[in-house]
Amino acid sequence: MPVIRAQQRDKVSSYQSLRSIYEQNITVNSIAETMDTCHLKDDAYVIKEMMLNKDYDVLGVEDSGVVIGYVVRDELKEGTCQDYYRSFSPTELVSESTPLLQTLFIFKEIDRIFILEGNRITKVVTLADLQKPPIRMLLFGLISILEMHLYRIINDYFPEETWKKHLNPKRIQFAEDLYSLRKAKNEAIQLSDCLQICDKRDIVLHEEPLRDLLGIDTKTKGKQFFKKLEELRNNLAHSQNINTEDSWNELFSLIEQTEQLLEQCEKIK
């Protein structure tokens, strides 16, 4: 067995293990908020005022000590909470151990989910909670793992720095300048370590056999994907909002595409 191929398989395995940490070990509980409750007979207008003061979008509704549903702040008017409460839909309920990545895809269909601890509904997650640090850590981790795979594939596919043919002179010079700076600090690296995500994108997209292996239909679609991915990574790195409420579905679609690309990368050993 060639040593390089064995090393490549070892790297794929280690990246898969790292990916599993992000995808399986970070759960929805890490972003959930404890859900306060009201009672069926509470005055709806009073509860609405309380929700406004506390900035609650939803509130659990109790009956005889059991949380039986919830009210939405913007729906409350005259009457009691019994007039407005909604029963929990099965699609809105998830276990506290549900992986955070899986939770994101659930939000493609609904605006909020409720957390089951045993047989009790105790917490809630809304779209606003998707801006929290665990989500950011998850997404940045997935993007970083994708970059690691692309670095591995480029090194294996382009011996002797033949990847340079797909970059313009300015990008090569940028990488060489960064390489010189890092080498001066006695870092054990090679030139390809200094490639940025935009460089890896261009190298991969200009090599048709690689595009085919990675399941990227066309250069245009690939550029659109990587542009959005780079924007997301920059927002994460600079603590900007991940997205706005009107474009969450674009984010969910981008994450799905990233997952699919990671799966294709893992097949290349």
C-alpha atoms as a PDB file:
ATOM      1  CA  MET A   1       0.000   0.000   0.000  1.00  0.00           C
ATOM      2  CA  PRO A   2       1.526   3.371  -0.985  1.00  0.00           C
ATOM      3  CA  VAL A   3       2.390   5.473   2.078  1.00  0.00           C
ATOM      4  CA  ILE A   4       0.739   8.611   0.690  1.00  0.00           C
ATOM      5  CA  ARG A   5      -2.550   6.811   0.086  1.00  0.00           C
ATOM      6  CA  ALA A   6      -2.499   5.386   3.593  1.00  0.00           C
ATOM      7  CA  GLN A   7      -1.882   8.855   4.985  1.00  0.00           C
ATOM      8  CA  GLN A   8      -4.765  10.227   2.945  1.00  0.00           C
ATOM      9  CA  ARG A   9      -7.123   7.597   4.342  1.00  0.00           C
ATOM     10  CA  ASP A  10      -5.947   8.401   7.854  1.00  0.00           C
ATOM     11  CA  LYS A  11      -6.658  12.075   7.260  1.00  0.00           C
ATOM     12  CA  VAL A  12     -10.141  11.359   5.914  1.00  0.00           C
ATOM     13  CA  SER A  13     -10.871   9.226   8.962  1.00  0.00           C
ATOM     14  CA  SER A  14      -9.651  11.936  11.336  1.00  0.00           C
ATOM     15  CA  TYR A  15     -11.696  14.589   9.539  1.00  0.00           C
ATOM     16  CA  GLN A  16     -14.768  12.365   9.744  1.00  0.00           C
ATOM     17  CA  SER A  17     -14.215  11.980  13.483  1.00  0.00           C
ATOM     18  CA  LEU A  18     -13.863  15.735  13.885  1.00  0.00           C
ATOM     19  CA  ARG A  19     -16.990  16.305  11.821  1.00  0.00           C
ATOM     20  CA  SER A  20     -18.871  13.846  14.025  1.00  0.00           C
ATOM     21  CA  ILE A  21     -17.957  15.905  17.101  1.00  0.00           C
ATOM     22  CA  TYR A  22     -19.572  18.976  15.591  1.00  0.00           C
ATOM     23  CA  GLU A  23     -22.572  17.216  14.126  1.00  0.00           C
ATOM     24  CA  GLN A  24     -23.488  14.786  16.901  1.00  0.00           C
ATOM     25  CA  ASN A  25     -22.116  16.099  20.195  1.00  0.00           C
ATOM     26  CA  ILE A  26     -23.481  19.643  20.080  1.00  0.00           C
ATOM     27  CA  THR A  27     -27.203  19.356  20.794  1.00  0.00           C
ATOM     28  CA  VAL A  28     -30.236  21.608  20.613  1.00  0.00           C
ATOM     29  CA  ASN A  29     -30.092  21.964  24.386  1.00  0.00           C
ATOM     30  CA  SER A  30     -27.078  24.247  23.939  1.00  0.00           C
ATOM     31  CA  ILE A  31     -29.226  27.030  22.437  1.00  0.00           C
ATOM     32  CA  ALA A  32     -32.620  26.336  24.080  1.00  0.00           C
ATOM     33  CA  GLU A  33     -34.223  28.785  26.515  1.00  0.00           C
ATOM     34  CA  THR A  34     -36.278  27.748  29.533  1.00  0.00           C
ATOM     35  CA  MET A  35     -39.929  28.402  28.690  1.00  0.00           C
ATOM     36  CA  ASP A  36     -41.970  30.445  31.146  1.00  0.00           C
ATOM     37  CA  THR A  37     -45.671  29.644  31.422  1.00  0.00           C
ATOM     38  CA  CYS A  38     -49.045  31.184  32.070  1.00  0.00           C
ATOM     39  CA  HIS A  39     -52.404  29.579  32.862  1.00  0.00           C
ATOM     40  CA  LEU A  40     -55.441  28.940  30.714  1.00  0.00           C
ATOM     41  CA  LYS A  41     -57.580  31.442  32.626  1.00  0.00           C
ATOM     42  CA  ASP A  42     -55.019  34.263  32.647  1.00  0.00           C
ATOM     43  CA  ASP A  43     -56.094  37.521  31.013  1.00  0.00           C
ATOM     44  CA  ALA A  44     -54.690  37.502  27.481  1.00  0.00           C
ATOM     45  CA  TYR A  45     -53.988  41.238  27.381  1.00  0.00           C
ATOM     46  CA  VAL A  46     -52.083  41.143  30.694  1.00  0.00           C
ATOM     47  CA  ILE A  47     -50.021  38.197  29.460  1.00  0.00           C
ATOM     48  CA  LYS A  48     -49.286  40.013  26.216  1.00  0.00           C
ATOM     49  CA  GLU A  49     -47.973  43.024  28.141  1.00  0.00           C
ATOM     50  CA  MET A  50     -45.789  40.755  30.243  1.00  0.00           C
ATOM     51  CA  MET A  51     -44.429  39.086  27.107  1.00  0.00           C
ATOM     52  CA  LEU A  52     -43.639  42.467  25.578  1.00  0.00           C
ATOM     53  CA  ASN A  53     -41.757  43.529  28.722  1.00  0.00           C
ATOM     54  CA  LYS A  54     -39.729  40.316  28.730  1.00  0.00           C
ATOM     55  CA  ASP A  55     -39.347  40.159  24.943  1.00  0.00           C
ATOM     56  CA  TYR A  56     -41.043  36.743  24.699  1.00  0.00           C
ATOM     57  CA  ASP A  57     -42.450  35.632  21.363  1.00  0.00           C
ATOM     58  CA  VAL A  58     -44.122  32.532  22.823  1.00  0.00           C
ATOM     59  CA  LEU A  59     -45.158  31.406  26.283  1.00  0.00           C
ATOM     60  CA  GLY A  60     -46.151  27.977  27.548  1.00  0.00           C
ATOM     61  CA  VAL A  61     -49.698  27.433  28.803  1.00  0.00           C
ATOM     62  CA  GLU A  62     -50.327  25.305  31.881  1.00  0.00           C
ATOM     63  CA  ASP A  63     -53.447  23.491  32.997  1.00  0.00           C
ATOM     64  CA  SER A  64     -53.424  21.653  36.344  1.00  0.00           C
ATOM     65  CA  GLY A  65     -49.627  21.866  36.463  1.00  0.00           C
ATOM     66  CA  VAL A  66     -49.092  20.392  32.985  1.00  0.00           C
ATOM     67  CA  VAL A  67     -47.852  22.405  30.001  1.00  0.00           C
ATOM     68  CA  ILE A  68     -50.471  21.690  27.343  1.00  0.00           C
ATOM     69  CA  GLY A  69     -49.615  24.227  24.665  1.00  0.00           C
ATOM     70  CA  TYR A  70     -48.432  27.750  24.053  1.00  0.00           C
ATOM     71  CA  VAL A  71     -49.557  31.239  23.084  1.00  0.00           C
ATOM     72  CA  VAL A  72     -47.987  33.525  20.484  1.00  0.00           C
ATOM     73  CA  ARG A  73     -47.615  37.115  21.650  1.00  0.00           C
ATOM     74  CA  ASP A  74     -48.850  38.792  18.466  1.00  0.00           C
ATOM     75  CA  GLU A  75     -52.066  36.735  18.512  1.00  0.00           C
ATOM     76  CA  LEU A  76     -53.223  37.781  21.992  1.00  0.00           C
ATOM     77  CA  LYS A  77     -56.130  40.234  22.247  1.00  0.00           C
ATOM     78  CA  GLU A  78     -59.183  40.328  24.521  1.00  0.00           C
ATOM     79  CA  GLY A  79     -60.264  37.304  26.532  1.00  0.00           C
ATOM     80  CA  THR A  80     -58.246  34.629  28.256  1.00  0.00           C
ATOM     81  CA  CYS A  81     -55.246  32.606  27.157  1.00  0.00           C
ATOM     82  CA  GLN A  82     -57.595  29.668  26.640  1.00  0.00           C
ATOM     83  CA  ASP A  83     -59.038  31.537  23.655  1.00  0.00           C
ATOM     84  CA  TYR A  84     -55.653  31.703  21.933  1.00  0.00           C
ATOM     85  CA  TYR A  85     -53.483  28.804  23.007  1.00  0.00           C
ATOM     86  CA  ARG A  86     -52.180  26.290  20.484  1.00  0.00           C
ATOM     87  CA  SER A  87     -51.640  22.630  21.208  1.00  0.00           C
ATOM     88  CA  PHE A  88     -48.154  21.304  20.461  1.00  0.00           C
ATOM     89  CA  SER A  89     -47.755  19.729  17.040  1.00  0.00           C
ATOM     90  CA  PRO A  90     -45.564  16.596  16.857  1.00  0.00           C
ATOM     91  CA  THR A  91     -43.395  18.402  14.287  1.00  0.00           C
ATOM     92  CA  GLU A  92     -42.634  21.115  16.860  1.00  0.00           C
ATOM     93  CA  LEU A  93     -41.310  18.713  19.505  1.00  0.00           C
ATOM     94  CA  VAL A  94     -37.728  17.433  19.677  1.00  0.00           C
ATOM     95  CA  SER A  95     -35.681  15.606  22.266  1.00  0.00           C
ATOM     96  CA  GLU A  96     -33.093  17.576  24.237  1.00  0.00           C
ATOM     97  CA  SER A  97     -30.433  15.296  22.726  1.00  0.00           C
ATOM     98  CA  THR A  98     -31.283  16.186  19.109  1.00  0.00           C
ATOM     99  CA  PRO A  99     -28.066  17.212  17.265  1.00  0.00           C
ATOM    100  CA  LEU A 100     -27.872  20.930  16.615  1.00  0.00           C
ATOM    101  CA  LEU A 101     -27.274  20.453  12.882  1.00  0.00           C
ATOM    102  CA  GLN A 102     -30.452  18.388  12.583  1.00  0.00           C
ATOM    103  CA  THR A 103     -32.276  21.141  14.441  1.00  0.00           C
ATOM    104  CA  LEU A 104     -31.299  23.664  11.793  1.00  0.00           C
ATOM    105  CA  PHE A 105     -32.962  21.627   9.076  1.00  0.00           C
ATOM    106  CA  ILE A 106     -36.153  21.360  11.156  1.00  0.00           C
ATOM    107  CA  PHE A 107     -36.369  25.164  11.007  1.00  0.00           C
ATOM    108  CA  LYS A 108     -36.827  24.952   7.246  1.00  0.00           C
ATOM    109  CA  GLU A 109     -40.479  24.121   7.907  1.00  0.00           C
ATOM    110  CA  ILE A 110     -41.377  25.854  11.209  1.00  0.00           C
ATOM    111  CA  ASP A 111     -40.500  29.001  13.184  1.00  0.00           C
ATOM    112  CA  ARG A 112     -40.013  27.448  16.628  1.00  0.00           C
ATOM    113  CA  ILE A 113     -39.457  24.135  18.339  1.00  0.00           C
ATOM    114  CA  PHE A 114     -40.079  22.909  21.873  1.00  0.00           C
ATOM    115  CA  ILE A 115     -37.748  20.676  23.851  1.00  0.00           C
ATOM    116  CA  LEU A 116     -38.814  17.457  25.545  1.00  0.00           C
ATOM    117  CA  GLU A 117     -36.985  16.539  28.723  1.00  0.00           C
ATOM    118  CA  GLY A 118     -38.329  13.107  29.542  1.00  0.00           C
ATOM    119  CA  ASN A 119     -42.078  13.564  29.089  1.00  0.00           C
ATOM    120  CA  ARG A 120     -42.108  17.259  29.967  1.00  0.00           C
ATOM    121  CA  ILE A 121     -41.913  20.235  27.619  1.00  0.00           C
ATOM    122  CA  THR A 122     -39.552  22.653  29.315  1.00  0.00           C
ATOM    123  CA  LYS A 123     -37.693  24.756  26.737  1.00  0.00           C
ATOM    124  CA  VAL A 124     -38.158  26.581  23.463  1.00  0.00           C
ATOM    125  CA  VAL A 125     -35.936  27.502  20.512  1.00  0.00           C
ATOM    126  CA  THR A 126     -36.825  30.255  18.025  1.00  0.00           C
ATOM    127  CA  LEU A 127     -35.064  31.627  14.948  1.00  0.00           C
ATOM    128  CA  ALA A 128     -33.438  34.298  17.134  1.00  0.00           C
ATOM    129  CA  ASP A 129     -31.599  31.548  19.028  1.00  0.00           C
ATOM    130  CA  LEU A 130     -29.807  30.525  15.832  1.00  0.00           C
ATOM    131  CA  GLN A 131     -27.493  33.517  16.285  1.00  0.00           C
ATOM    132  CA  LYS A 132     -26.026  32.037  19.488  1.00  0.00           C
ATOM    133  CA  PRO A 133     -22.359  30.931  19.889  1.00  0.00           C
ATOM    134  CA  PRO A 134     -22.978  27.131  19.627  1.00  0.00           C
ATOM    135  CA  ILE A 135     -24.510  27.624  16.159  1.00  0.00           C
ATOM    136  CA  ARG A 136     -21.577  29.800  15.149  1.00  0.00           C
ATOM    137  CA  MET A 137     -19.120  27.211  16.419  1.00  0.00           C
ATOM    138  CA  LEU A 138     -20.939  24.457  14.519  1.00  0.00           C
ATOM    139  CA  LEU A 139     -20.997  26.340  11.219  1.00  0.00           C
ATOM    140  CA  PHE A 140     -17.414  27.618  11.468  1.00  0.00           C
ATOM    141  CA  GLY A 141     -16.303  24.091  12.301  1.00  0.00           C
ATOM    142  CA  LEU A 142     -18.008  22.609   9.241  1.00  0.00           C
ATOM    143  CA  ILE A 143     -16.500  25.248   6.954  1.00  0.00           C
ATOM    144  CA  SER A 144     -13.049  24.644   8.451  1.00  0.00           C
ATOM    145  CA  ILE A 145     -13.347  20.883   7.909  1.00  0.00           C
ATOM    146  CA  LEU A 146     -14.341  21.493   4.283  1.00  0.00           C
ATOM    147  CA  GLU A 147     -11.250  23.671   3.827  1.00  0.00           C
ATOM    148  CA  MET A 148      -9.102  20.924   5.344  1.00  0.00           C
ATOM    149  CA  HIS A 149     -10.523  18.411   2.870  1.00  0.00           C
ATOM    150  CA  LEU A 150      -9.930  20.747  -0.084  1.00  0.00           C
ATOM    151  CA  TYR A 151      -6.348  21.304   1.072  1.00  0.00           C
ATOM    152  CA  ARG A 152      -5.842  17.524   1.283  1.00  0.00           C
ATOM    153  CA  ILE A 153      -7.378  16.893  -2.138  1.00  0.00           C
ATOM    154  CA  ILE A 154      -5.395  19.689  -3.828  1.00  0.00           C
ATOM    155  CA  ASN A 155      -2.111  18.424  -2.391  1.00  0.00           C
ATOM    156  CA  ASP A 156      -2.870  14.906  -3.579  1.00  0.00           C
ATOM    157  CA  TYR A 157      -4.215  15.904  -6.990  1.00  0.00           C
ATOM    158  CA  PHE A 158      -1.563  18.506  -7.877  1.00  0.00           C
ATOM    159  CA  PRO A 159       1.981  17.293  -7.103  1.00  0.00           C
ATOM    160  CA  GLU A 160       4.871  19.745  -7.252  1.00  0.00           C
ATOM    161  CA  GLU A 161       2.573  22.781  -6.860  1.00  0.00           C
ATOM    162  CA  THR A 162       1.007  22.273 -10.271  1.00  0.00           C
ATOM    163  CA  TRP A 163      -2.129  23.871  -8.831  1.00  0.00           C
ATOM    164  CA  LYS A 164      -0.477  27.221  -9.624  1.00  0.00           C
ATOM    165  CA  LYS A 165      -1.758  26.983 -13.200  1.00  0.00           C
ATOM    166  CA  HIS A 166      -5.265  27.726 -11.926  1.00  0.00           C
ATOM    167  CA  LEU A 167      -4.382  30.913 -10.012  1.00  0.00           C
ATOM    168  CA  ASN A 168      -3.517  34.362 -11.294  1.00  0.00           C
ATOM    169  CA  PRO A 169      -0.083  35.836 -10.446  1.00  0.00           C
ATOM    170  CA  LYS A 170      -1.478  38.111  -7.706  1.00  0.00           C
ATOM    171  CA  ARG A 171      -2.984  35.188  -5.796  1.00  0.00           C
ATOM    172  CA  ILE A 172       0.227  33.173  -6.124  1.00  0.00           C
ATOM    173  CA  GLN A 173       2.232  36.158  -4.873  1.00  0.00           C
ATOM    174  CA  PHE A 174      -0.134  36.563  -1.925  1.00  0.00           C
ATOM    175  CA  ALA A 175       0.382  32.927  -0.965  1.00  0.00           C
ATOM    176  CA  GLU A 176       4.167  33.227  -1.389  1.00  0.00           C
ATOM    177  CA  ASP A 177       4.327  36.375   0.775  1.00  0.00           C
ATOM    178  CA  LEU A 178       2.317  34.672   3.496  1.00  0.00           C
ATOM    179  CA  TYR A 179       4.539  31.612   3.182  1.00  0.00           C
ATOM    180  CA  SER A 180       7.661  33.726   3.671  1.00  0.00           C
ATOM    181  CA  LEU A 181       6.212  35.369   6.781  1.00  0.00           C
ATOM    182  CA  ARG A 182       5.256  32.065   8.306  1.00  0.00           C
ATOM    183  CA  LYS A 183       8.524  30.378   7.394  1.00  0.00           C
ATOM    184  CA  ALA A 184      10.363  33.228   9.157  1.00  0.00           C
ATOM    185  CA  LYS A 185       8.592  32.098  12.324  1.00  0.00           C
ATOM    186  CA  ASN A 186       9.964  28.576  11.828  1.00  0.00           C
ATOM    187  CA  GLU A 187       6.549  27.133  11.021  1.00  0.00           C
ATOM    188  CA  ALA A 188       6.783  23.758   9.289  1.00  0.00           C
ATOM    189  CA  ILE A 189       4.544  24.452   6.309  1.00  0.00           C
ATOM    190  CA  GLN A 190       4.415  24.266   2.545  1.00  0.00           C
ATOM    191  CA  LEU A 191       3.154  26.832   0.065  1.00  0.00           C
ATOM    192  CA  SER A 192      -0.280  25.207  -0.271  1.00  0.00           C
ATOM    193  CA  ASP A 193      -0.814  25.835   3.477  1.00  0.00           C
ATOM    194  CA  CYS A 194      -1.059  29.503   2.587  1.00  0.00           C
ATOM    195  CA  LEU A 195      -3.902  29.151   0.103  1.00  0.00           C
ATOM    196  CA  GLN A 196      -7.117  30.958   1.035  1.00  0.00           C
ATOM    197  CA  ILE A 197     -10.601  29.557   0.533  1.00  0.00           C
ATOM    198  CA  CYS A 198     -10.983  31.614  -2.669  1.00  0.00           C
ATOM    199  CA  ASP A 199      -7.792  30.035  -4.017  1.00  0.00           C
ATOM    200  CA  LYS A 200      -8.928  26.516  -3.200  1.00  0.00           C
ATOM    201  CA  ARG A 201     -12.241  27.319  -4.869  1.00  0.00           C
ATOM    202  CA  ASP A 202     -10.579  28.458  -8.098  1.00  0.00           C
ATOM    203  CA  ILE A 203      -8.225  25.477  -8.206  1.00  0.00           C
ATOM    204  CA  VAL A 204     -11.045  22.976  -7.750  1.00  0.00           C
ATOM    205  CA  LEU A 205     -13.519  24.670 -10.078  1.00  0.00           C
ATOM    206  CA  HIS A 206     -11.047  24.980 -12.946  1.00  0.00           C
ATOM    207  CA  GLU A 207     -10.283  21.261 -12.887  1.00  0.00           C
ATOM    208  CA  GLU A 208     -13.255  19.484 -14.489  1.00  0.00           C
ATOM    209  CA  PRO A 209     -12.407  15.978 -13.209  1.00  0.00           C
ATOM    210  CA  LEU A 210     -12.269  17.368  -9.670  1.00  0.00           C
ATOM    211  CA  ARG A 211     -15.604  19.142 -10.133  1.00  0.00           C
ATOM    212  CA  ASP A 212     -17.101  15.834 -11.219  1.00  0.00           C
ATOM    213  CA  LEU A 213     -15.673  14.010  -8.200  1.00  0.00           C
ATOM    214  CA  LEU A 214     -17.087  16.650  -5.878  1.00  0.00           C
ATOM    215  CA  GLY A 215     -20.514  16.688  -7.519  1.00  0.00           C
ATOM    216  CA  ILE A 216     -20.266  20.325  -8.639  1.00  0.00           C
ATOM    217  CA  ASP A 217     -22.307  20.644 -11.830  1.00  0.00           C
ATOM    218  CA  THR A 218     -20.791  23.808 -13.303  1.00  0.00           C
ATOM    219  CA  LYS A 219     -18.215  26.484 -12.542  1.00  0.00           C
ATOM    220  CA  THR A 220     -21.015  29.024 -12.183  1.00  0.00           C
ATOM    221  CA  LYS A 221     -22.897  27.025  -9.563  1.00  0.00           C
ATOM    222  CA  GLY A 222     -19.645  26.306  -7.777  1.00  0.00           C
ATOM    223  CA  LYS A 223     -18.700  29.988  -7.662  1.00  0.00           C
ATOM    224  CA  GLN A 224     -22.142  30.915  -6.320  1.00  0.00           C
ATOM    225  CA  PHE A 225     -21.841  28.307  -3.572  1.00  0.00           C
ATOM    226  CA  PHE A 226     -18.322  29.273  -2.500  1.00  0.00           C
ATOM    227  CA  LYS A 227     -19.138  32.988  -2.573  1.00  0.00           C
ATOM    228  CA  LYS A 228     -21.996  32.463  -0.122  1.00  0.00           C
ATOM    229  CA  LEU A 229     -19.865  30.153   1.984  1.00  0.00           C
ATOM    230  CA  GLU A 230     -17.063  32.703   2.203  1.00  0.00           C
ATOM    231  CA  GLU A 231     -19.550  35.433   3.169  1.00  0.00           C
ATOM    232  CA  LEU A 232     -20.928  33.203   5.919  1.00  0.00           C
ATOM    233  CA  ARG A 233     -17.441  32.391   7.205  1.00  0.00           C
ATOM    234  CA  ASN A 234     -16.546  36.097   7.290  1.00  0.00           C
ATOM    235  CA  ASN A 235     -19.735  36.929   9.191  1.00  0.00           C
ATOM    236  CA  LEU A 236     -18.959  34.202  11.693  1.00  0.00           C
ATOM    237  CA  ALA A 237     -15.358  35.334  12.105  1.00  0.00           C
ATOM    238  CA  HIS A 238     -16.340  38.966  12.660  1.00  0.00           C
ATOM    239  CA  SER A 239     -19.332  38.305  14.936  1.00  0.00           C
ATOM    240  CA  GLN A 240     -21.839  39.665  12.433  1.00  0.00           C
ATOM    241  CA  ASN A 241     -25.409  38.414  12.207  1.00  0.00           C
ATOM    242  CA  ILE A 242     -25.468  35.042  10.505  1.00  0.00           C
ATOM    243  CA  ASN A 243     -28.568  35.948   8.577  1.00  0.00           C
ATOM    244  CA  THR A 244     -31.827  37.825   8.646  1.00  0.00           C
ATOM    245  CA  GLU A 245     -35.218  36.326   9.262  1.00  0.00           C
ATOM    246  CA  ASP A 246     -36.151  36.780   5.607  1.00  0.00           C
ATOM    247  CA  SER A 247     -33.242  34.722   4.312  1.00  0.00           C
ATOM    248  CA  TRP A 248     -32.861  31.873   6.804  1.00  0.00           C
ATOM    249  CA  ASN A 249     -33.872  29.391   4.126  1.00  0.00           C
ATOM    250  CA  GLU A 250     -30.872  30.480   2.056  1.00  0.00           C
ATOM    251  CA  LEU A 251     -28.642  29.655   5.016  1.00  0.00           C
ATOM    252  CA  PHE A 252     -30.267  26.248   5.518  1.00  0.00           C
ATOM    253  CA  SER A 253     -29.790  25.490   1.819  1.00  0.00           C
ATOM    254  CA  LEU A 254     -26.125  26.548   2.022  1.00  0.00           C
ATOM    255  CA  ILE A 255     -25.541  24.250   5.003  1.00  0.00           C
ATOM    256  CA  GLU A 256     -27.173  21.350   3.154  1.00  0.00           C
ATOM    257  CA  GLN A 257     -24.905  21.945   0.159  1.00  0.00           C
ATOM    258  CA  THR A 258     -21.883  22.085   2.472  1.00  0.00           C
ATOM    259  CA  GLU A 259     -22.879  18.771   4.011  1.00  0.00           C
ATOM    260  CA  GLN A 260     -23.236  17.211   0.560  1.00  0.00           C
ATOM    261  CA  LEU A 261     -19.824  18.527  -0.504  1.00  0.00           C
ATOM    262  CA  LEU A 262     -18.240  17.163   2.687  1.00  0.00           C
ATOM    263  CA  GLU A 263     -19.699  13.739   1.899  1.00  0.00           C
ATOM    264  CA  GLN A 264     -18.180  13.868  -1.581  1.00  0.00           C
ATOM    265  CA  CYS A 265     -14.814  14.956  -0.156  1.00  0.00           C
ATOM    266  CA  GLU A 266     -14.835  11.978   2.199  1.00  0.00           C
ATOM    267  CA  LYS A 267     -15.202   9.646  -0.788  1.00  0.00           C
ATOM    268  CA  ILE A 268     -11.950  10.941  -2.279  1.00  0.00           C
ATOM    269  CA  LYS A 269      -9.184   9.016  -0.519  1.00  0.00           C
END
